[in-house]
PDB file of all heavy atoms in Angstrom:
ATOM      1  N   LYS A   1       0.804  -1.236   0.008  1.00  0.00           N
ATOM      2  CA  LYS A   1       0.035  -0.018  -0.090  1.00  0.00           C
ATOM      3  C   LYS A   1       0.826   1.252  -0.011  1.00  0.00           C
ATOM      4  O   LYS A   1       2.028   1.245   0.502  1.00  0.00           O
ATOM      5  CB  LYS A   1      -0.920   0.041   1.184  1.00  0.00           C
ATOM      6  CG  LYS A   1      -2.044  -1.077   1.070  1.00  0.00           C
ATOM      7  CD  LYS A   1      -3.017  -0.850   2.295  1.00  0.00           C
ATOM      8  CE  LYS A   1      -4.150  -1.844   2.141  1.00  0.00           C
ATOM      9  NZ  LYS A   1      -5.060  -1.714   3.330  1.00  0.00           N
ATOM     10  N   ILE A   2       0.284   2.260  -0.543  1.00  0.00           N
ATOM     11  CA  ILE A   2       1.100   3.576  -0.604  1.00  0.00           C
ATOM     12  C   ILE A   2       0.400   4.586   0.139  1.00  0.00           C
ATOM     13  O   ILE A   2      -0.747   4.836   0.006  1.00  0.00           O
ATOM     14  CB  ILE A   2       1.234   4.011  -2.184  1.00  0.00           C
ATOM     15  CG1 ILE A   2       1.892   2.832  -2.986  1.00  0.00           C
ATOM     16  CG2 ILE A   2       2.076   5.227  -2.276  1.00  0.00           C
ATOM     17  CD1 ILE A   2       1.815   3.081  -4.566  1.00  0.00           C
ATOM     18  N   ASP A   3       1.177   5.154   1.090  1.00  0.00           N
ATOM     19  CA  ASP A   3       0.592   6.222   1.973  1.00  0.00           C
ATOM     20  C   ASP A   3       0.940   7.563   1.346  1.00  0.00           C
ATOM     21  O   ASP A   3       2.042   8.076   1.514  1.00  0.00           O
ATOM     22  CB  ASP A   3       1.176   6.156   3.357  1.00  0.00           C
ATOM     23  CG  ASP A   3       0.694   7.085   4.308  1.00  0.00           C
ATOM     24  OD1 ASP A   3      -0.514   7.572   4.089  1.00  0.00           O
ATOM     25  OD2 ASP A   3       1.369   7.387   5.453  1.00  0.00           O
ATOM     26  N   TYR A   4      -0.059   8.083   0.537  1.00  0.00           N
ATOM     27  CA  TYR A   4       0.173   9.434  -0.082  1.00  0.00           C
ATOM     28  C   TYR A   4      -0.079  10.609   0.962  1.00  0.00           C
ATOM     29  O   TYR A   4      -1.034  10.525   1.640  1.00  0.00           O
ATOM     30  CB  TYR A   4      -0.741   9.588  -1.178  1.00  0.00           C
ATOM     31  CG  TYR A   4      -0.375   8.704  -2.456  1.00  0.00           C
ATOM     32  CD1 TYR A   4      -1.165   7.608  -2.800  1.00  0.00           C
ATOM     33  CD2 TYR A   4       0.799   8.858  -3.150  1.00  0.00           C
ATOM     34  CE1 TYR A   4      -0.885   6.803  -3.854  1.00  0.00           C
ATOM     35  CE2 TYR A   4       1.182   8.119  -4.278  1.00  0.00           C
ATOM     36  CZ  TYR A   4       0.358   7.036  -4.572  1.00  0.00           C
ATOM     37  OH  TYR A   4       0.662   6.221  -5.638  1.00  0.00           O
ATOM     38  N   PRO A   5       0.841  11.592   1.046  1.00  0.00           N
ATOM     39  CA  PRO A   5       0.573  12.726   1.912  1.00  0.00           C
ATOM     40  C   PRO A   5      -0.541  13.523   1.409  1.00  0.00           C
ATOM     41  O   PRO A   5      -0.919  13.585   0.290  1.00  0.00           O
ATOM     42  CB  PRO A   5       2.032  13.480   1.900  1.00  0.00           C
ATOM     43  CG  PRO A   5       2.506  13.096   0.560  1.00  0.00           C
ATOM     44  CD  PRO A   5       2.094  11.682   0.230  1.00  0.00           C
ATOM     45  N   LYS A   6      -1.082  14.285   2.514  1.00  0.00           N
ATOM     46  CA  LYS A   6      -2.212  15.142   2.210  1.00  0.00           C
ATOM     47  C   LYS A   6      -1.596  16.391   1.469  1.00  0.00           C
ATOM     48  O   LYS A   6      -0.593  16.855   1.679  1.00  0.00           O
ATOM     49  CB  LYS A   6      -2.861  15.563   3.563  1.00  0.00           C
ATOM     50  CG  LYS A   6      -3.656  14.477   4.279  1.00  0.00           C
ATOM     51  CD  LYS A   6      -4.372  14.943   5.528  1.00  0.00           C
ATOM     52  CE  LYS A   6      -5.197  13.801   6.120  1.00  0.00           C
ATOM     53  NZ  LYS A   6      -5.856  14.212   7.386  1.00  0.00           N
ATOM     54  N   PRO A   7      -2.414  16.872   0.668  1.00  0.00           N
ATOM     55  CA  PRO A   7      -2.085  18.076  -0.135  1.00  0.00           C
ATOM     56  C   PRO A   7      -1.822  19.347   0.753  1.00  0.00           C
ATOM     57  O   PRO A   7      -2.613  19.438   1.799  1.00  0.00           O
ATOM     58  CB  PRO A   7      -3.108  18.391  -1.134  1.00  0.00           C
ATOM     59  CG  PRO A   7      -4.213  17.705  -0.629  1.00  0.00           C
ATOM     60  CD  PRO A   7      -3.889  16.544   0.205  1.00  0.00           C
ATOM     61  N   ASP A   8      -0.968  20.205   0.424  1.00  0.00           N
ATOM     62  CA  ASP A   8      -0.717  21.353   1.274  1.00  0.00           C
ATOM     63  C   ASP A   8      -1.443  22.633   0.690  1.00  0.00           C
ATOM     64  O   ASP A   8      -1.439  23.710   1.421  1.00  0.00           O
ATOM     65  CB  ASP A   8       0.748  21.752   1.366  1.00  0.00           C
ATOM     66  CG  ASP A   8       1.486  21.949   0.085  1.00  0.00           C
ATOM     67  OD1 ASP A   8       0.805  22.333  -0.915  1.00  0.00           O
ATOM     68  OD2 ASP A   8       2.770  21.845   0.035  1.00  0.00           O
ATOM     69  N   GLY A   9      -2.055  22.406  -0.556  1.00  0.00           N
ATOM     70  CA  GLY A   9      -2.757  23.548  -1.012  1.00  0.00           C
ATOM     71  C   GLY A   9      -1.907  24.683  -1.632  1.00  0.00           C
ATOM     72  O   GLY A   9      -2.466  25.695  -2.105  1.00  0.00           O
ATOM     73  N   VAL A  10      -0.652  24.536  -1.646  1.00  0.00           N
ATOM     74  CA  VAL A  10       0.348  25.496  -2.117  1.00  0.00           C
ATOM     75  C   VAL A  10       1.030  24.936  -3.312  1.00  0.00           C
ATOM     76  O   VAL A  10       1.100  25.498  -4.385  1.00  0.00           O
ATOM     77  CB  VAL A  10       1.321  25.974  -1.116  1.00  0.00           C
ATOM     78  CG1 VAL A  10       2.269  26.953  -1.642  1.00  0.00           C
ATOM     79  CG2 VAL A  10       0.523  26.519   0.152  1.00  0.00           C
ATOM     80  N   ILE A  11       1.771  23.720  -3.105  1.00  0.00           N
ATOM     81  CA  ILE A  11       2.513  23.036  -4.039  1.00  0.00           C
ATOM     82  C   ILE A  11       1.617  21.900  -4.601  1.00  0.00           C
ATOM     83  O   ILE A  11       1.784  21.486  -5.816  1.00  0.00           O
ATOM     84  CB  ILE A  11       3.943  22.596  -3.653  1.00  0.00           C
ATOM     85  CG1 ILE A  11       4.687  23.857  -3.256  1.00  0.00           C
ATOM     86  CG2 ILE A  11       4.589  21.853  -4.750  1.00  0.00           C
ATOM     87  CD1 ILE A  11       5.052  24.832  -4.254  1.00  0.00           C
ATOM     88  N   THR A  12       1.015  21.197  -3.654  1.00  0.00           N
ATOM     89  CA  THR A  12       0.224  19.982  -3.887  1.00  0.00           C
ATOM     90  C   THR A  12      -1.315  20.235  -3.730  1.00  0.00           C
ATOM     91  O   THR A  12      -1.604  21.056  -2.805  1.00  0.00           O
ATOM     92  CB  THR A  12       0.695  18.799  -3.164  1.00  0.00           C
ATOM     93  OG1 THR A  12       0.578  19.088  -1.685  1.00  0.00           O
ATOM     94  CG2 THR A  12       2.222  18.538  -3.491  1.00  0.00           C
ATOM     95  N   PHE A  13      -1.991  19.631  -4.399  1.00  0.00           N
ATOM     96  CA  PHE A  13      -3.503  19.819  -4.383  1.00  0.00           C
ATOM     97  C   PHE A  13      -4.308  18.520  -4.438  1.00  0.00           C
ATOM     98  O   PHE A  13      -3.776  17.500  -4.748  1.00  0.00           O
ATOM     99  CB  PHE A  13      -3.919  20.751  -5.611  1.00  0.00           C
ATOM    100  CG  PHE A  13      -3.008  21.941  -5.653  1.00  0.00           C
ATOM    101  CD1 PHE A  13      -1.993  21.969  -6.447  1.00  0.00           C
ATOM    102  CD2 PHE A  13      -3.377  23.149  -4.927  1.00  0.00           C
ATOM    103  CE1 PHE A  13      -1.180  23.159  -6.687  1.00  0.00           C
ATOM    104  CE2 PHE A  13      -2.649  24.334  -5.079  1.00  0.00           C
ATOM    105  CZ  PHE A  13      -1.560  24.298  -5.830  1.00  0.00           C
ATOM    106  N   ASP A  14      -5.619  18.644  -4.027  1.00  0.00           N
ATOM    107  CA  ASP A  14      -6.523  17.450  -4.078  1.00  0.00           C
ATOM    108  C   ASP A  14      -7.114  17.475  -5.570  1.00  0.00           C
ATOM    109  O   ASP A  14      -7.108  18.456  -6.301  1.00  0.00           O
ATOM    110  CB  ASP A  14      -7.661  17.586  -3.121  1.00  0.00           C
ATOM    111  CG  ASP A  14      -8.527  18.748  -3.267  1.00  0.00           C
ATOM    112  OD1 ASP A  14      -9.454  18.758  -4.106  1.00  0.00           O
ATOM    113  OD2 ASP A  14      -8.271  19.808  -2.672  1.00  0.00           O
ATOM    114  N   ARG A  15      -7.822  16.338  -5.951  1.00  0.00           N
ATOM    115  CA  ARG A  15      -8.334  16.221  -7.131  1.00  0.00           C
ATOM    116  C   ARG A  15      -9.429  17.083  -7.578  1.00  0.00           C
ATOM    117  O   ARG A  15      -9.403  17.675  -8.662  1.00  0.00           O
ATOM    118  CB  ARG A  15      -8.892  14.693  -7.283  1.00  0.00           C
ATOM    119  CG  ARG A  15      -8.057  13.582  -7.657  1.00  0.00           C
ATOM    120  CD  ARG A  15      -8.773  12.239  -7.641  1.00  0.00           C
ATOM    121  NE  ARG A  15      -7.985  11.140  -8.170  1.00  0.00           N
ATOM    122  CZ  ARG A  15      -7.062  10.553  -7.427  1.00  0.00           C
ATOM    123  NH1 ARG A  15      -6.867  10.767  -6.273  1.00  0.00           N
ATOM    124  NH2 ARG A  15      -6.359   9.524  -8.110  1.00  0.00           N
ATOM    125  N   LEU A  16     -10.334  17.301  -6.705  1.00  0.00           N
ATOM    126  CA  LEU A  16     -11.631  18.031  -7.069  1.00  0.00           C
ATOM    127  C   LEU A  16     -11.233  19.601  -7.291  1.00  0.00           C
ATOM    128  O   LEU A  16     -11.603  20.222  -8.114  1.00  0.00           O
ATOM    129  CB  LEU A  16     -12.634  18.021  -6.018  1.00  0.00           C
ATOM    130  CG  LEU A  16     -13.347  16.474  -5.911  1.00  0.00           C
ATOM    131  CD1 LEU A  16     -14.433  16.609  -4.950  1.00  0.00           C
ATOM    132  CD2 LEU A  16     -13.702  16.030  -7.333  1.00  0.00           C
ATOM    133  N   THR A  17     -10.275  20.110  -6.407  1.00  0.00           N
ATOM    134  CA  THR A  17      -9.803  21.371  -6.630  1.00  0.00           C
ATOM    135  C   THR A  17      -8.964  21.485  -8.019  1.00  0.00           C
ATOM    136  O   THR A  17      -9.295  22.517  -8.793  1.00  0.00           O
ATOM    137  CB  THR A  17      -8.705  21.835  -5.446  1.00  0.00           C
ATOM    138  OG1 THR A  17      -9.443  21.749  -4.275  1.00  0.00           O
ATOM    139  CG2 THR A  17      -8.239  23.199  -5.705  1.00  0.00           C
ATOM    140  N   SER A  18      -8.290  20.457  -8.313  1.00  0.00           N
ATOM    141  CA  SER A  18      -7.475  20.330  -9.635  1.00  0.00           C
ATOM    142  C   SER A  18      -8.530  20.466 -10.794  1.00  0.00           C
ATOM    143  O   SER A  18      -8.268  21.081 -11.869  1.00  0.00           O
ATOM    144  CB  SER A  18      -6.647  19.282  -9.654  1.00  0.00           C
ATOM    145  OG  SER A  18      -5.594  19.298  -8.698  1.00  0.00           O
ATOM    146  N   VAL A  19      -9.495  19.617 -10.717  1.00  0.00           N
ATOM    147  CA  VAL A  19     -10.494  19.576 -11.753  1.00  0.00           C
ATOM    148  C   VAL A  19     -11.153  20.985 -12.111  1.00  0.00           C
ATOM    149  O   VAL A  19     -11.338  21.274 -13.197  1.00  0.00           O
ATOM    150  CB  VAL A  19     -11.619  18.539 -11.442  1.00  0.00           C
ATOM    151  CG1 VAL A  19     -12.725  18.647 -12.421  1.00  0.00           C
ATOM    152  CG2 VAL A  19     -11.073  17.084 -11.454  1.00  0.00           C
ATOM    153  N   SER A  20     -11.314  21.793 -11.070  1.00  0.00           N
ATOM    154  CA  SER A  20     -11.844  23.144 -11.214  1.00  0.00           C
ATOM    155  C   SER A  20     -10.857  23.986 -12.121  1.00  0.00           C
ATOM    156  O   SER A  20     -11.369  24.922 -12.715  1.00  0.00           O
ATOM    157  CB  SER A  20     -12.054  23.819 -10.009  1.00  0.00           C
ATOM    158  OG  SER A  20     -10.882  24.189  -9.275  1.00  0.00           O
ATOM    159  N   PHE A  21      -9.635  23.576 -12.157  1.00  0.00           N
ATOM    160  CA  PHE A  21      -8.554  24.285 -12.947  1.00  0.00           C
ATOM    161  C   PHE A  21      -8.539  23.803 -14.386  1.00  0.00           C
ATOM    162  O   PHE A  21      -7.663  24.386 -15.040  1.00  0.00           O
ATOM    163  CB  PHE A  21      -7.224  24.255 -12.248  1.00  0.00           C
ATOM    164  CG  PHE A  21      -7.070  25.302 -11.110  1.00  0.00           C
ATOM    165  CD1 PHE A  21      -7.639  25.072  -9.899  1.00  0.00           C
ATOM    166  CD2 PHE A  21      -6.351  26.519 -11.387  1.00  0.00           C
ATOM    167  CE1 PHE A  21      -7.541  25.961  -8.903  1.00  0.00           C
ATOM    168  CE2 PHE A  21      -6.258  27.408 -10.357  1.00  0.00           C
ATOM    169  CZ  PHE A  21      -6.748  27.219  -9.084  1.00  0.00           C
ATOM    170  N   SER A  22      -9.368  22.807 -14.652  1.00  0.00           N
ATOM    171  CA  SER A  22      -9.403  22.321 -16.015  1.00  0.00           C
ATOM    172  C   SER A  22     -10.654  22.989 -16.738  1.00  0.00           C
ATOM    173  O   SER A  22     -10.869  22.774 -17.906  1.00  0.00           O
ATOM    174  CB  SER A  22      -9.544  20.790 -16.028  1.00  0.00           C
ATOM    175  OG  SER A  22     -10.849  20.391 -15.593  1.00  0.00           O
ATOM    176  N   PHE A  23     -11.421  23.740 -15.906  1.00  0.00           N
ATOM    177  CA  PHE A  23     -12.594  24.366 -16.380  1.00  0.00           C
ATOM    178  C   PHE A  23     -13.491  23.471 -17.206  1.00  0.00           C
ATOM    179  O   PHE A  23     -14.183  23.721 -18.095  1.00  0.00           O
ATOM    180  CB  PHE A  23     -12.163  25.595 -17.287  1.00  0.00           C
ATOM    181  CG  PHE A  23     -11.213  26.496 -16.624  1.00  0.00           C
ATOM    182  CD1 PHE A  23      -9.802  26.305 -16.938  1.00  0.00           C
ATOM    183  CD2 PHE A  23     -11.578  27.327 -15.751  1.00  0.00           C
ATOM    184  CE1 PHE A  23      -8.880  27.214 -16.402  1.00  0.00           C
ATOM    185  CE2 PHE A  23     -10.637  28.153 -14.999  1.00  0.00           C
ATOM    186  CZ  PHE A  23      -9.310  28.028 -15.332  1.00  0.00           C
ATOM    187  N   THR A  24     -13.597  22.286 -16.655  1.00  0.00           N
ATOM    188  CA  THR A  24     -14.517  21.148 -17.179  1.00  0.00           C
ATOM    189  C   THR A  24     -16.034  21.513 -16.866  1.00  0.00           C
ATOM    190  O   THR A  24     -16.349  22.035 -15.786  1.00  0.00           O
ATOM    191  CB  THR A  24     -14.124  19.780 -16.504  1.00  0.00           C
ATOM    192  OG1 THR A  24     -12.833  19.466 -16.938  1.00  0.00           O
ATOM    193  CG2 THR A  24     -15.165  18.805 -16.930  1.00  0.00           C
ATOM    194  N   ASN A  25     -16.680  21.272 -17.836  1.00  0.00           N
ATOM    195  CA  ASN A  25     -18.282  21.480 -17.716  1.00  0.00           C
ATOM    196  C   ASN A  25     -18.999  20.534 -18.599  1.00  0.00           C
ATOM    197  O   ASN A  25     -18.621  20.372 -19.709  1.00  0.00           O
ATOM    198  CB  ASN A  25     -18.610  22.999 -18.090  1.00  0.00           C
ATOM    199  CG  ASN A  25     -20.145  23.163 -17.976  1.00  0.00           C
ATOM    200  OD1 ASN A  25     -20.531  23.123 -16.910  1.00  0.00           O
ATOM    201  ND2 ASN A  25     -20.838  23.441 -19.057  1.00  0.00           N
ATOM    202  N   HIS A  26     -20.004  19.920 -18.021  1.00  0.00           N
ATOM    203  CA  HIS A  26     -21.049  19.089 -18.750  1.00  0.00           C
ATOM    204  C   HIS A  26     -22.400  19.619 -18.399  1.00  0.00           C
ATOM    205  O   HIS A  26     -22.565  19.907 -17.218  1.00  0.00           O
ATOM    206  CB  HIS A  26     -20.909  17.546 -18.525  1.00  0.00           C
ATOM    207  CG  HIS A  26     -19.546  17.030 -18.834  1.00  0.00           C
ATOM    208  ND1 HIS A  26     -18.482  16.976 -18.075  1.00  0.00           N
ATOM    209  CD2 HIS A  26     -19.132  16.357 -19.944  1.00  0.00           C
ATOM    210  CE1 HIS A  26     -17.441  16.332 -18.641  1.00  0.00           C
ATOM    211  NE2 HIS A  26     -17.817  15.954 -19.814  1.00  0.00           N
ATOM    212  N   GLU A  27     -23.195  19.568 -19.408  1.00  0.00           N
ATOM    213  CA  GLU A  27     -24.576  19.916 -19.153  1.00  0.00           C
ATOM    214  C   GLU A  27     -25.248  19.037 -18.197  1.00  0.00           C
ATOM    215  O   GLU A  27     -24.933  17.848 -18.045  1.00  0.00           O
ATOM    216  CB  GLU A  27     -25.417  19.937 -20.450  1.00  0.00           C
ATOM    217  CG  GLU A  27     -25.175  21.030 -21.482  1.00  0.00           C
ATOM    218  CD  GLU A  27     -25.702  22.398 -20.902  1.00  0.00           C
ATOM    219  OE1 GLU A  27     -26.733  22.386 -20.178  1.00  0.00           O
ATOM    220  OE2 GLU A  27     -25.003  23.401 -21.175  1.00  0.00           O
TER     221      GLU A  27
END
């Protein structure tokens, strides 16, 4: 198993915050 560190919000980020930076939109 791999213990990934929690994001710091400065250099590293979570998935959903990152998706918002892709400007993804579906009807």
